Amino acid sequence: MHGYGGVEQLFFEDADEPKLSEPDEVIVKLKAASINHIDIWNRMGATGINVPMPHILGADGAGIVVEVGARVIVTSGSDEKLARAKNLGADHGVNHFKDEFTKVVNELTEDRGVDVVLDCVGGEVWRKSLASLARGGRLVTCGATAGGQPIDDIAAIVSKQLNIYGSTLGSRDEFRELISFMNATKIKPIIDSVFPLKDAASAQRYVEEAKQLGKVVLQMRD
């Protein structure tokens, strides 16, 4: 609508594409929207809330999320893997052999830190993960390939009110929920490569050399 009043203020017209401005925002492509009395009151200016014109009415809709506000920062020791991760949607990549990722995170977030860190490494990376978090941030750990007894920074955990979560493979019910979510969102798992079962030794060597990005699969013959 372009002003307050009757239905003559409603126009069917093109509008600018929405832009994300905050990390907790999403853009939803609506498939349907409900009309409620609040829409009529807003059109009439009866709510007492001034809205900038033109204004798109509606507070009740359903659709598909097409863009999220979260930025994704990934780390790797391989520039090739970082390039592939960016092609898959990551916003930034840090080669931890070349740069200190906590410093890069602080630069990218203007010293705020990130809201969530997924750490499947542990070891000496643990304290760096804690240091990368913003106040109230969450660290999710699902592995300890670099060591299961890291040195904790208790002062950082307390002063920044951090939350630490452990994640396992989950229950059968959670797995069913995951499958349903993937089917609904059309998300596909990342398969790096497929080896025939007879080449299992080559597949393990491939993983040992850290060449993979995604799952390495052994395929059985029919």
N, C-alpha and C. Protein backbone atom coordinates (compact mmCIF):
# COMPACT_ATOMS: atom_id res chain seq x y z
N MET A 1 0.85 -1.18 0.00
CA MET A 1 0.00 0.00 0.00
C MET A 1 0.89 1.24 0.00
N HIS A 2 0.29 2.33 -0.50
CA HIS A 2 1.05 3.58 -0.59
C HIS A 2 0.57 4.64 0.40
N GLY A 3 -0.45 4.32 1.15
CA GLY A 3 -0.97 5.25 2.14
C GLY A 3 -2.08 4.59 2.93
N TYR A 4 -2.53 5.27 3.99
CA TYR A 4 -3.60 4.73 4.81
C TYR A 4 -4.95 5.03 4.17
N GLY A 5 -5.91 4.13 4.41
CA GLY A 5 -7.25 4.36 3.88
C GLY A 5 -7.96 3.08 3.55
N GLY A 6 -8.80 3.14 2.52
CA GLY A 6 -9.58 1.99 2.11
C GLY A 6 -8.81 1.07 1.19
N VAL A 7 -9.53 0.11 0.58
CA VAL A 7 -8.87 -0.88 -0.27
C VAL A 7 -8.28 -0.25 -1.52
N GLU A 8 -8.67 0.98 -1.82
CA GLU A 8 -8.09 1.65 -2.99
C GLU A 8 -6.60 1.94 -2.79
N GLN A 9 -6.12 1.79 -1.55
CA GLN A 9 -4.70 2.00 -1.27
C GLN A 9 -3.85 0.74 -1.56
N LEU A 10 -4.51 -0.35 -1.90
CA LEU A 10 -3.80 -1.60 -2.19
C LEU A 10 -3.45 -1.67 -3.67
N PHE A 11 -2.22 -2.05 -3.97
CA PHE A 11 -1.76 -2.13 -5.35
C PHE A 11 -1.06 -3.47 -5.57
N PHE A 12 -1.30 -4.06 -6.71
CA PHE A 12 -0.58 -5.27 -7.11
C PHE A 12 0.52 -4.82 -8.05
N GLU A 13 1.79 -4.86 -7.56
CA GLU A 13 2.89 -4.31 -8.33
C GLU A 13 4.20 -4.98 -7.91
N ASP A 14 5.22 -4.77 -8.72
CA ASP A 14 6.54 -5.31 -8.39
C ASP A 14 7.16 -4.50 -7.25
N ALA A 15 7.96 -5.20 -6.44
CA ALA A 15 8.68 -4.56 -5.34
C ALA A 15 10.15 -4.94 -5.42
N ASP A 16 10.99 -4.16 -4.76
CA ASP A 16 12.41 -4.47 -4.75
C ASP A 16 12.66 -5.81 -4.08
N GLU A 17 13.69 -6.51 -4.55
CA GLU A 17 14.07 -7.78 -3.92
C GLU A 17 14.54 -7.51 -2.49
N PRO A 18 14.08 -8.30 -1.52
CA PRO A 18 14.51 -8.08 -0.14
C PRO A 18 15.99 -8.38 0.04
N LYS A 19 16.61 -7.69 0.98
CA LYS A 19 18.02 -7.89 1.29
C LYS A 19 18.17 -8.22 2.78
N LEU A 20 19.06 -9.13 3.08
CA LEU A 20 19.34 -9.45 4.47
C LEU A 20 20.21 -8.36 5.08
N SER A 21 19.88 -7.98 6.31
CA SER A 21 20.67 -6.94 6.99
C SER A 21 21.22 -7.42 8.32
N GLU A 22 20.70 -8.53 8.86
CA GLU A 22 21.16 -9.05 10.14
C GLU A 22 21.43 -10.55 10.01
N PRO A 23 22.38 -11.09 10.82
CA PRO A 23 22.72 -12.51 10.70
C PRO A 23 21.59 -13.46 11.13
N ASP A 24 20.60 -12.95 11.88
CA ASP A 24 19.52 -13.83 12.32
C ASP A 24 18.28 -13.69 11.44
N GLU A 25 18.42 -13.07 10.28
CA GLU A 25 17.29 -12.93 9.36
C GLU A 25 17.30 -14.01 8.29
N VAL A 26 16.14 -14.27 7.72
CA VAL A 26 16.02 -15.17 6.58
C VAL A 26 15.10 -14.54 5.55
N ILE A 27 15.23 -14.97 4.30
CA ILE A 27 14.31 -14.55 3.25
C ILE A 27 13.46 -15.76 2.88
N VAL A 28 12.16 -15.59 2.92
CA VAL A 28 11.22 -16.67 2.62
C VAL A 28 10.47 -16.33 1.35
N LYS A 29 10.48 -17.25 0.38
CA LYS A 29 9.67 -17.10 -0.83
C LYS A 29 8.29 -17.65 -0.52
N LEU A 30 7.34 -16.73 -0.37
CA LEU A 30 6.00 -17.13 0.05
C LEU A 30 5.26 -17.90 -1.04
N LYS A 31 4.56 -18.92 -0.59
CA LYS A 31 3.67 -19.68 -1.47
C LYS A 31 2.20 -19.34 -1.18
N ALA A 32 1.94 -18.88 0.04
CA ALA A 32 0.58 -18.50 0.43
C ALA A 32 0.67 -17.55 1.61
N ALA A 33 -0.31 -16.67 1.73
CA ALA A 33 -0.36 -15.72 2.84
C ALA A 33 -1.80 -15.58 3.31
N SER A 34 -1.98 -15.50 4.62
CA SER A 34 -3.31 -15.36 5.20
C SER A 34 -3.63 -13.89 5.45
N ILE A 35 -4.90 -13.54 5.28
CA ILE A 35 -5.36 -12.19 5.60
C ILE A 35 -5.97 -12.22 6.99
N ASN A 36 -5.49 -11.32 7.83
CA ASN A 36 -5.99 -11.20 9.20
C ASN A 36 -6.47 -9.78 9.45
N HIS A 37 -7.21 -9.59 10.53
CA HIS A 37 -7.71 -8.26 10.82
C HIS A 37 -6.60 -7.25 11.04
N ILE A 38 -5.43 -7.71 11.50
CA ILE A 38 -4.32 -6.79 11.70
C ILE A 38 -3.91 -6.13 10.39
N ASP A 39 -4.09 -6.86 9.25
CA ASP A 39 -3.77 -6.28 7.95
C ASP A 39 -4.72 -5.12 7.63
N ILE A 40 -5.98 -5.31 7.96
CA ILE A 40 -6.97 -4.27 7.70
C ILE A 40 -6.71 -3.06 8.60
N TRP A 41 -6.41 -3.33 9.86
CA TRP A 41 -6.12 -2.23 10.79
C TRP A 41 -4.86 -1.47 10.36
N ASN A 42 -3.86 -2.20 9.90
CA ASN A 42 -2.66 -1.53 9.41
C ASN A 42 -2.97 -0.66 8.19
N ARG A 43 -3.78 -1.19 7.30
CA ARG A 43 -4.14 -0.43 6.09
C ARG A 43 -4.87 0.85 6.46
N MET A 44 -5.70 0.78 7.50
CA MET A 44 -6.48 1.95 7.91
C MET A 44 -5.69 2.89 8.81
N GLY A 45 -4.51 2.44 9.25
CA GLY A 45 -3.72 3.26 10.16
C GLY A 45 -4.26 3.25 11.57
N ALA A 46 -4.97 2.19 11.93
CA ALA A 46 -5.65 2.15 13.22
C ALA A 46 -4.80 1.57 14.34
N THR A 47 -3.61 1.12 14.04
CA THR A 47 -2.77 0.50 15.08
C THR A 47 -1.96 1.53 15.86
N GLY A 48 -1.86 2.73 15.33
CA GLY A 48 -1.06 3.75 15.99
C GLY A 48 0.42 3.63 15.70
N ILE A 49 0.78 2.70 14.83
CA ILE A 49 2.18 2.50 14.48
C ILE A 49 2.41 3.06 13.08
N ASN A 50 3.32 4.01 12.96
CA ASN A 50 3.63 4.57 11.66
C ASN A 50 4.59 3.64 10.91
N VAL A 51 4.24 3.30 9.69
CA VAL A 51 5.10 2.44 8.88
C VAL A 51 5.53 3.22 7.65
N PRO A 52 6.77 3.01 7.19
CA PRO A 52 7.23 3.72 5.99
C PRO A 52 6.46 3.24 4.76
N MET A 53 6.17 4.16 3.88
CA MET A 53 5.46 3.84 2.64
C MET A 53 6.43 3.84 1.46
N PRO A 54 6.20 3.00 0.45
CA PRO A 54 5.14 2.00 0.40
C PRO A 54 5.39 0.85 1.37
N HIS A 55 4.32 0.20 1.78
CA HIS A 55 4.41 -0.87 2.78
C HIS A 55 3.72 -2.12 2.25
N ILE A 56 4.39 -3.28 2.48
CA ILE A 56 3.80 -4.55 2.08
C ILE A 56 3.09 -5.15 3.28
N LEU A 57 1.79 -5.30 3.18
CA LEU A 57 1.00 -5.85 4.27
C LEU A 57 1.23 -7.36 4.39
N GLY A 58 0.95 -7.88 5.58
CA GLY A 58 1.02 -9.33 5.78
C GLY A 58 1.91 -9.69 6.95
N ALA A 59 1.41 -10.58 7.82
CA ALA A 59 2.20 -11.04 8.95
C ALA A 59 2.02 -12.54 9.17
N ASP A 60 1.41 -13.20 8.19
CA ASP A 60 1.07 -14.62 8.36
C ASP A 60 1.19 -15.30 7.01
N GLY A 61 2.29 -16.02 6.79
CA GLY A 61 2.48 -16.66 5.49
C GLY A 61 3.28 -17.95 5.62
N ALA A 62 3.32 -18.68 4.52
CA ALA A 62 4.07 -19.94 4.47
C ALA A 62 4.81 -20.01 3.14
N GLY A 63 6.03 -20.53 3.19
CA GLY A 63 6.80 -20.63 1.96
C GLY A 63 8.09 -21.38 2.18
N ILE A 64 9.08 -21.08 1.36
CA ILE A 64 10.35 -21.79 1.37
C ILE A 64 11.47 -20.79 1.66
N VAL A 65 12.34 -21.16 2.61
CA VAL A 65 13.49 -20.31 2.91
C VAL A 65 14.46 -20.37 1.74
N VAL A 66 14.79 -19.23 1.17
CA VAL A 66 15.69 -19.19 0.02
C VAL A 66 17.04 -18.56 0.35
N GLU A 67 17.13 -17.88 1.49
CA GLU A 67 18.41 -17.29 1.87
C GLU A 67 18.43 -17.06 3.37
N VAL A 68 19.55 -17.37 3.99
CA VAL A 68 19.69 -17.15 5.43
C VAL A 68 20.79 -16.13 5.68
N GLY A 69 20.70 -15.47 6.83
CA GLY A 69 21.64 -14.40 7.11
C GLY A 69 22.97 -14.85 7.68
N ALA A 70 23.05 -16.10 8.09
CA ALA A 70 24.29 -16.57 8.71
C ALA A 70 25.43 -16.58 7.70
N ARG A 71 26.61 -16.15 8.15
CA ARG A 71 27.83 -16.28 7.35
C ARG A 71 28.58 -17.52 7.81
N VAL A 72 29.15 -18.24 6.86
CA VAL A 72 29.86 -19.48 7.18
C VAL A 72 31.35 -19.28 6.91
N ILE A 73 32.17 -19.55 7.93
CA ILE A 73 33.63 -19.50 7.82
C ILE A 73 34.16 -20.92 8.00
N VAL A 74 34.91 -21.41 7.04
CA VAL A 74 35.44 -22.77 7.14
C VAL A 74 36.97 -22.72 7.22
N THR A 75 37.54 -23.74 7.85
CA THR A 75 38.99 -23.84 7.93
C THR A 75 39.46 -25.14 7.32
N SER A 76 40.65 -25.11 6.75
CA SER A 76 41.25 -26.30 6.16
C SER A 76 42.72 -26.02 5.96
N GLY A 77 43.50 -27.08 5.78
CA GLY A 77 44.91 -26.91 5.44
C GLY A 77 45.16 -26.99 3.96
N SER A 78 44.08 -27.00 3.17
CA SER A 78 44.18 -27.14 1.72
C SER A 78 43.43 -26.02 1.03
N ASP A 79 44.12 -25.25 0.20
CA ASP A 79 43.46 -24.20 -0.57
C ASP A 79 42.43 -24.79 -1.54
N GLU A 80 42.73 -25.98 -2.06
CA GLU A 80 41.79 -26.62 -2.98
C GLU A 80 40.48 -26.94 -2.27
N LYS A 81 40.57 -27.46 -1.05
CA LYS A 81 39.36 -27.78 -0.30
C LYS A 81 38.58 -26.52 0.04
N LEU A 82 39.30 -25.45 0.37
CA LEU A 82 38.63 -24.19 0.68
C LEU A 82 37.88 -23.66 -0.53
N ALA A 83 38.47 -23.79 -1.70
CA ALA A 83 37.80 -23.35 -2.93
C ALA A 83 36.54 -24.17 -3.18
N ARG A 84 36.62 -25.46 -2.93
CA ARG A 84 35.45 -26.32 -3.11
C ARG A 84 34.37 -25.97 -2.09
N ALA A 85 34.78 -25.68 -0.86
CA ALA A 85 33.82 -25.31 0.16
C ALA A 85 33.09 -24.02 -0.21
N LYS A 86 33.81 -23.06 -0.79
CA LYS A 86 33.17 -21.82 -1.21
C LYS A 86 32.17 -22.08 -2.35
N ASN A 87 32.53 -23.01 -3.24
CA ASN A 87 31.61 -23.36 -4.32
C ASN A 87 30.33 -23.99 -3.78
N LEU A 88 30.45 -24.62 -2.60
CA LEU A 88 29.29 -25.24 -1.96
C LEU A 88 28.48 -24.26 -1.13
N GLY A 89 28.99 -23.02 -0.96
CA GLY A 89 28.22 -22.01 -0.26
C GLY A 89 28.90 -21.32 0.90
N ALA A 90 30.11 -21.75 1.28
CA ALA A 90 30.82 -21.08 2.37
C ALA A 90 31.17 -19.65 1.95
N ASP A 91 31.13 -18.73 2.92
CA ASP A 91 31.42 -17.33 2.62
C ASP A 91 32.90 -17.01 2.69
N HIS A 92 33.61 -17.64 3.63
CA HIS A 92 35.03 -17.35 3.81
C HIS A 92 35.76 -18.66 4.11
N GLY A 93 37.02 -18.72 3.68
CA GLY A 93 37.85 -19.88 3.97
C GLY A 93 39.18 -19.45 4.55
N VAL A 94 39.66 -20.19 5.55
CA VAL A 94 40.93 -19.87 6.20
C VAL A 94 41.83 -21.09 6.15
N ASN A 95 42.99 -20.94 5.55
CA ASN A 95 43.98 -22.00 5.55
C ASN A 95 44.76 -21.90 6.86
N HIS A 96 44.53 -22.87 7.76
CA HIS A 96 45.12 -22.78 9.09
C HIS A 96 46.63 -23.02 9.09
N PHE A 97 47.18 -23.46 7.95
CA PHE A 97 48.63 -23.57 7.85
C PHE A 97 49.28 -22.22 7.52
N LYS A 98 48.46 -21.31 6.98
CA LYS A 98 48.97 -20.01 6.56
C LYS A 98 48.54 -18.86 7.47
N ASP A 99 47.36 -18.99 8.08
CA ASP A 99 46.81 -17.91 8.89
C ASP A 99 46.28 -18.45 10.20
N GLU A 100 46.32 -17.62 11.23
CA GLU A 100 45.71 -17.94 12.51
C GLU A 100 44.22 -17.68 12.41
N PHE A 101 43.40 -18.75 12.47
CA PHE A 101 41.99 -18.55 12.14
C PHE A 101 41.26 -17.70 13.17
N THR A 102 41.71 -17.68 14.43
CA THR A 102 41.06 -16.80 15.40
C THR A 102 41.23 -15.33 15.02
N LYS A 103 42.40 -14.99 14.51
CA LYS A 103 42.65 -13.61 14.08
C LYS A 103 41.78 -13.25 12.89
N VAL A 104 41.65 -14.19 11.93
CA VAL A 104 40.82 -13.93 10.76
C VAL A 104 39.35 -13.79 11.15
N VAL A 105 38.91 -14.63 12.08
CA VAL A 105 37.53 -14.55 12.56
C VAL A 105 37.27 -13.19 13.19
N ASN A 106 38.19 -12.72 14.02
CA ASN A 106 38.01 -11.41 14.65
C ASN A 106 37.97 -10.29 13.61
N GLU A 107 38.79 -10.42 12.57
CA GLU A 107 38.77 -9.40 11.51
C GLU A 107 37.45 -9.41 10.76
N LEU A 108 36.96 -10.61 10.44
CA LEU A 108 35.72 -10.72 9.67
C LEU A 108 34.50 -10.29 10.47
N THR A 109 34.55 -10.47 11.79
CA THR A 109 33.40 -10.14 12.64
C THR A 109 33.60 -8.84 13.41
N GLU A 110 34.65 -8.10 13.08
CA GLU A 110 34.96 -6.84 13.76
C GLU A 110 35.08 -7.05 15.27
N ASP A 111 35.82 -8.10 15.64
CA ASP A 111 36.12 -8.47 17.02
C ASP A 111 34.90 -8.96 17.81
N ARG A 112 33.81 -9.21 17.13
CA ARG A 112 32.63 -9.72 17.83
C ARG A 112 32.74 -11.21 18.12
N GLY A 113 33.29 -11.97 17.17
CA GLY A 113 33.30 -13.41 17.27
C GLY A 113 32.10 -14.03 16.59
N VAL A 114 32.08 -15.34 16.48
CA VAL A 114 30.99 -16.03 15.81
C VAL A 114 30.02 -16.62 16.84
N ASP A 115 28.83 -16.95 16.38
CA ASP A 115 27.81 -17.47 17.28
C ASP A 115 27.96 -18.96 17.53
N VAL A 116 28.43 -19.69 16.52
CA VAL A 116 28.53 -21.15 16.64
C VAL A 116 29.84 -21.62 16.03
N VAL A 117 30.52 -22.53 16.72
CA VAL A 117 31.69 -23.21 16.18
C VAL A 117 31.43 -24.71 16.20
N LEU A 118 31.62 -25.37 15.08
CA LEU A 118 31.56 -26.83 15.01
C LEU A 118 32.98 -27.35 14.98
N ASP A 119 33.38 -28.01 16.07
CA ASP A 119 34.76 -28.48 16.23
C ASP A 119 34.75 -30.01 16.31
N CYS A 120 35.30 -30.65 15.30
CA CYS A 120 35.40 -32.11 15.29
C CYS A 120 36.86 -32.55 15.41
N VAL A 121 37.72 -31.63 15.86
CA VAL A 121 39.15 -31.88 15.92
C VAL A 121 39.66 -31.99 17.36
N GLY A 122 39.29 -31.03 18.21
CA GLY A 122 39.78 -31.03 19.57
C GLY A 122 41.25 -30.64 19.62
N GLY A 123 42.01 -31.22 20.55
CA GLY A 123 43.43 -30.93 20.65
C GLY A 123 43.69 -29.45 20.83
N GLU A 124 44.73 -28.97 20.18
CA GLU A 124 45.13 -27.57 20.32
C GLU A 124 44.14 -26.62 19.66
N VAL A 125 43.25 -27.15 18.81
CA VAL A 125 42.25 -26.31 18.15
C VAL A 125 41.16 -25.87 19.13
N TRP A 126 40.98 -26.63 20.20
CA TRP A 126 39.89 -26.40 21.15
C TRP A 126 39.89 -24.98 21.70
N ARG A 127 41.05 -24.54 22.20
CA ARG A 127 41.11 -23.19 22.79
C ARG A 127 40.89 -22.12 21.72
N LYS A 128 41.35 -22.39 20.50
CA LYS A 128 41.14 -21.44 19.42
C LYS A 128 39.64 -21.34 19.08
N SER A 129 38.97 -22.47 19.16
CA SER A 129 37.52 -22.47 18.91
C SER A 129 36.81 -21.64 19.96
N LEU A 130 37.19 -21.82 21.23
CA LEU A 130 36.59 -21.02 22.31
C LEU A 130 36.88 -19.54 22.10
N ALA A 131 38.11 -19.22 21.70
CA ALA A 131 38.50 -17.82 21.51
C ALA A 131 37.75 -17.17 20.35
N SER A 132 37.26 -17.98 19.41
CA SER A 132 36.58 -17.44 18.23
C SER A 132 35.12 -17.11 18.49
N LEU A 133 34.59 -17.56 19.64
CA LEU A 133 33.17 -17.39 19.91
C LEU A 133 32.84 -16.01 20.46
N ALA A 134 31.66 -15.54 20.12
CA ALA A 134 31.13 -14.30 20.68
C ALA A 134 30.54 -14.58 22.05
N ARG A 135 30.21 -13.55 22.78
CA ARG A 135 29.55 -13.73 24.07
C ARG A 135 28.25 -14.50 23.89
N GLY A 136 28.06 -15.54 24.71
CA GLY A 136 26.87 -16.36 24.59
C GLY A 136 26.95 -17.36 23.46
N GLY A 137 28.13 -17.51 22.84
CA GLY A 137 28.28 -18.41 21.70
C GLY A 137 28.22 -19.88 22.09
N ARG A 138 28.08 -20.72 21.07
CA ARG A 138 27.94 -22.16 21.29
C ARG A 138 29.04 -22.91 20.55
N LEU A 139 29.67 -23.83 21.25
CA LEU A 139 30.65 -24.71 20.65
C LEU A 139 30.07 -26.11 20.61
N VAL A 140 29.96 -26.67 19.41
CA VAL A 140 29.45 -28.03 19.24
C VAL A 140 30.63 -28.92 18.89
N THR A 141 30.86 -29.94 19.71
CA THR A 141 31.96 -30.87 19.46
C THR A 141 31.41 -32.24 19.09
N CYS A 142 31.98 -32.81 18.05
CA CYS A 142 31.52 -34.12 17.60
C CYS A 142 32.70 -35.03 17.28
N GLY A 143 33.87 -34.72 17.84
CA GLY A 143 35.03 -35.56 17.59
C GLY A 143 36.27 -34.97 18.22
N ALA A 144 37.33 -35.78 18.26
CA ALA A 144 38.58 -35.33 18.87
C ALA A 144 39.75 -35.98 18.16
N THR A 145 39.81 -35.80 16.85
CA THR A 145 40.86 -36.46 16.06
C THR A 145 42.25 -35.94 16.38
N ALA A 146 42.34 -34.73 16.95
CA ALA A 146 43.65 -34.16 17.29
C ALA A 146 43.96 -34.28 18.78
N GLY A 147 43.06 -34.94 19.53
CA GLY A 147 43.30 -35.11 20.96
C GLY A 147 42.05 -34.90 21.76
N GLY A 148 41.79 -35.84 22.69
CA GLY A 148 40.57 -35.80 23.48
C GLY A 148 40.73 -35.14 24.84
N GLN A 149 41.92 -34.63 25.16
CA GLN A 149 42.15 -33.98 26.45
C GLN A 149 42.72 -32.58 26.22
N PRO A 150 41.95 -31.70 25.61
CA PRO A 150 42.48 -30.36 25.31
C PRO A 150 42.61 -29.51 26.56
N ILE A 151 43.37 -28.43 26.46
CA ILE A 151 43.49 -27.47 27.55
C ILE A 151 42.32 -26.50 27.46
N ASP A 152 41.50 -26.48 28.51
CA ASP A 152 40.34 -25.60 28.51
C ASP A 152 40.72 -24.18 28.93
N ASP A 153 40.02 -23.21 28.36
CA ASP A 153 40.15 -21.82 28.79
C ASP A 153 38.90 -21.50 29.60
N ILE A 154 38.94 -21.88 30.89
CA ILE A 154 37.77 -21.71 31.74
C ILE A 154 37.39 -20.24 31.87
N ALA A 155 38.38 -19.36 31.91
CA ALA A 155 38.08 -17.93 32.03
C ALA A 155 37.23 -17.45 30.86
N ALA A 156 37.55 -17.93 29.65
CA ALA A 156 36.77 -17.53 28.47
C ALA A 156 35.36 -18.10 28.54
N ILE A 157 35.24 -19.35 28.99
CA ILE A 157 33.92 -19.98 29.09
C ILE A 157 33.03 -19.20 30.05
N VAL A 158 33.60 -18.80 31.19
CA VAL A 158 32.82 -18.09 32.21
C VAL A 158 32.54 -16.66 31.79
N SER A 159 33.58 -15.93 31.40
CA SER A 159 33.40 -14.50 31.13
C SER A 159 32.52 -14.24 29.91
N LYS A 160 32.58 -15.13 28.92
CA LYS A 160 31.77 -14.93 27.72
C LYS A 160 30.47 -15.74 27.77
N GLN A 161 30.24 -16.45 28.90
CA GLN A 161 29.00 -17.21 29.08
C GLN A 161 28.77 -18.16 27.91
N LEU A 162 29.78 -18.95 27.62
CA LEU A 162 29.73 -19.86 26.47
C LEU A 162 28.97 -21.14 26.81
N ASN A 163 28.44 -21.75 25.78
CA ASN A 163 27.74 -23.03 25.91
C ASN A 163 28.46 -24.08 25.08
N ILE A 164 28.71 -25.24 25.67
CA ILE A 164 29.39 -26.33 24.99
C ILE A 164 28.46 -27.52 24.89
N TYR A 165 28.31 -28.04 23.66
CA TYR A 165 27.40 -29.16 23.41
C TYR A 165 28.18 -30.32 22.79
N GLY A 166 27.90 -31.50 23.28
CA GLY A 166 28.45 -32.70 22.67
C GLY A 166 27.42 -33.33 21.76
N SER A 167 27.84 -33.78 20.59
CA SER A 167 26.92 -34.35 19.62
C SER A 167 27.40 -35.72 19.19
N THR A 168 26.50 -36.70 19.23
CA THR A 168 26.83 -38.06 18.78
C THR A 168 26.02 -38.36 17.52
N LEU A 169 25.97 -39.62 17.18
CA LEU A 169 25.21 -40.00 15.97
C LEU A 169 23.71 -39.87 16.17
N GLY A 170 23.25 -39.78 17.42
CA GLY A 170 21.83 -39.60 17.66
C GLY A 170 21.05 -40.89 17.69
N SER A 171 19.75 -40.77 17.95
CA SER A 171 18.86 -41.92 18.04
C SER A 171 18.24 -42.23 16.68
N ARG A 172 17.53 -43.33 16.61
CA ARG A 172 16.82 -43.68 15.36
C ARG A 172 15.75 -42.65 15.03
N ASP A 173 15.07 -42.16 16.07
CA ASP A 173 14.03 -41.14 15.81
C ASP A 173 14.66 -39.87 15.26
N GLU A 174 15.81 -39.47 15.81
CA GLU A 174 16.49 -38.27 15.30
C GLU A 174 16.98 -38.49 13.88
N PHE A 175 17.40 -39.73 13.57
CA PHE A 175 17.83 -40.02 12.21
C PHE A 175 16.66 -39.91 11.24
N ARG A 176 15.49 -40.39 11.66
CA ARG A 176 14.30 -40.26 10.81
C ARG A 176 13.95 -38.80 10.59
N GLU A 177 14.07 -37.99 11.63
CA GLU A 177 13.81 -36.56 11.49
C GLU A 177 14.79 -35.93 10.52
N LEU A 178 16.05 -36.35 10.60
CA LEU A 178 17.07 -35.83 9.69
C LEU A 178 16.75 -36.18 8.24
N ILE A 179 16.35 -37.42 7.99
CA ILE A 179 16.00 -37.84 6.63
C ILE A 179 14.81 -37.05 6.12
N SER A 180 13.82 -36.85 6.98
CA SER A 180 12.64 -36.07 6.58
C SER A 180 13.03 -34.63 6.24
N PHE A 181 13.93 -34.06 7.06
CA PHE A 181 14.39 -32.69 6.81
C PHE A 181 15.14 -32.60 5.49
N MET A 182 16.01 -33.57 5.22
CA MET A 182 16.78 -33.55 3.98
C MET A 182 15.88 -33.72 2.77
N ASN A 183 14.87 -34.57 2.89
CA ASN A 183 13.92 -34.76 1.78
C ASN A 183 13.13 -33.48 1.53
N ALA A 184 12.74 -32.80 2.61
CA ALA A 184 11.92 -31.59 2.47
C ALA A 184 12.73 -30.43 1.91
N THR A 185 14.00 -30.34 2.28
CA THR A 185 14.82 -29.21 1.86
C THR A 185 15.67 -29.51 0.62
N LYS A 186 15.61 -30.76 0.15
CA LYS A 186 16.39 -31.19 -1.03
C LYS A 186 17.89 -31.11 -0.79
N ILE A 187 18.30 -31.18 0.48
CA ILE A 187 19.74 -31.17 0.79
C ILE A 187 20.32 -32.54 0.47
N LYS A 188 21.46 -32.55 -0.18
CA LYS A 188 22.12 -33.80 -0.53
C LYS A 188 23.45 -33.90 0.20
N PRO A 189 23.78 -35.08 0.73
CA PRO A 189 25.09 -35.23 1.38
C PRO A 189 26.21 -35.08 0.36
N ILE A 190 27.35 -34.61 0.84
CA ILE A 190 28.50 -34.39 -0.05
C ILE A 190 29.30 -35.69 -0.14
N ILE A 191 29.32 -36.29 -1.30
CA ILE A 191 30.09 -37.51 -1.54
C ILE A 191 31.36 -37.13 -2.28
N ASP A 192 32.50 -37.34 -1.64
CA ASP A 192 33.77 -37.01 -2.28
C ASP A 192 34.12 -38.01 -3.36
N SER A 193 34.07 -39.29 -3.01
CA SER A 193 34.46 -40.32 -3.97
C SER A 193 33.89 -41.66 -3.54
N VAL A 194 33.79 -42.57 -4.52
CA VAL A 194 33.26 -43.91 -4.28
C VAL A 194 34.30 -44.93 -4.74
N PHE A 195 34.67 -45.83 -3.83
CA PHE A 195 35.63 -46.88 -4.14
C PHE A 195 34.92 -48.23 -4.12
N PRO A 196 35.26 -49.15 -5.02
CA PRO A 196 34.76 -50.51 -4.89
C PRO A 196 35.35 -51.15 -3.65
N LEU A 197 34.63 -52.11 -3.06
CA LEU A 197 35.06 -52.72 -1.81
C LEU A 197 36.46 -53.31 -1.91
N LYS A 198 36.80 -53.83 -3.07
CA LYS A 198 38.12 -54.45 -3.24
C LYS A 198 39.26 -53.44 -3.10
N ASP A 199 38.93 -52.15 -3.24
CA ASP A 199 39.94 -51.10 -3.12
C ASP A 199 39.85 -50.37 -1.78
N ALA A 200 39.40 -51.10 -0.75
CA ALA A 200 39.24 -50.49 0.57
C ALA A 200 40.56 -49.94 1.09
N ALA A 201 41.66 -50.62 0.81
CA ALA A 201 42.96 -50.14 1.26
C ALA A 201 43.28 -48.79 0.63
N SER A 202 42.98 -48.65 -0.66
CA SER A 202 43.22 -47.37 -1.34
C SER A 202 42.33 -46.27 -0.77
N ALA A 203 41.11 -46.65 -0.42
CA ALA A 203 40.19 -45.68 0.15
C ALA A 203 40.69 -45.18 1.50
N GLN A 204 41.18 -46.09 2.34
CA GLN A 204 41.71 -45.68 3.64
C GLN A 204 42.95 -44.82 3.48
N ARG A 205 43.80 -45.16 2.52
CA ARG A 205 44.99 -44.36 2.27
C ARG A 205 44.60 -42.95 1.83
N TYR A 206 43.54 -42.87 1.01
CA TYR A 206 43.04 -41.59 0.52
C TYR A 206 42.60 -40.71 1.69
N VAL A 207 41.92 -41.31 2.67
CA VAL A 207 41.47 -40.56 3.84
C VAL A 207 42.65 -40.21 4.75
N GLU A 208 43.57 -41.14 4.91
CA GLU A 208 44.75 -40.87 5.73
C GLU A 208 45.55 -39.69 5.21
N GLU A 209 45.56 -39.51 3.90
CA GLU A 209 46.29 -38.41 3.29
C GLU A 209 45.48 -37.12 3.25
N ALA A 210 44.28 -37.16 3.87
CA ALA A 210 43.42 -35.97 4.00
C ALA A 210 43.07 -35.37 2.64
N LYS A 211 42.80 -36.20 1.66
CA LYS A 211 42.46 -35.70 0.34
C LYS A 211 40.96 -35.46 0.17
N GLN A 212 40.15 -35.98 1.09
CA GLN A 212 38.71 -35.96 0.90
C GLN A 212 38.07 -34.67 1.36
N LEU A 213 36.96 -34.31 0.72
CA LEU A 213 36.07 -33.26 1.18
C LEU A 213 34.66 -33.83 1.08
N GLY A 214 34.15 -34.34 2.18
CA GLY A 214 32.90 -35.07 2.14
C GLY A 214 33.15 -36.55 2.45
N LYS A 215 32.15 -37.35 2.21
CA LYS A 215 32.24 -38.76 2.56
C LYS A 215 32.95 -39.56 1.48
N VAL A 216 33.74 -40.53 1.94
CA VAL A 216 34.36 -41.51 1.06
C VAL A 216 33.60 -42.81 1.26
N VAL A 217 33.08 -43.38 0.18
CA VAL A 217 32.13 -44.49 0.26
C VAL A 217 32.73 -45.74 -0.35
N LEU A 218 32.48 -46.88 0.31
CA LEU A 218 32.82 -48.19 -0.26
C LEU A 218 31.55 -48.78 -0.88
N GLN A 219 31.63 -49.17 -2.12
CA GLN A 219 30.47 -49.70 -2.83
C GLN A 219 30.59 -51.22 -2.97
N MET A 220 29.48 -51.90 -2.60
CA MET A 220 29.44 -53.36 -2.72
C MET A 220 28.89 -53.76 -4.08
N ARG A 221 29.36 -54.87 -4.58
CA ARG A 221 28.82 -55.39 -5.85
C ARG A 221 27.43 -55.98 -5.62
N ASP A 222 26.58 -55.94 -6.64
CA ASP A 222 25.26 -56.57 -6.56
C ASP A 222 25.38 -58.07 -6.49
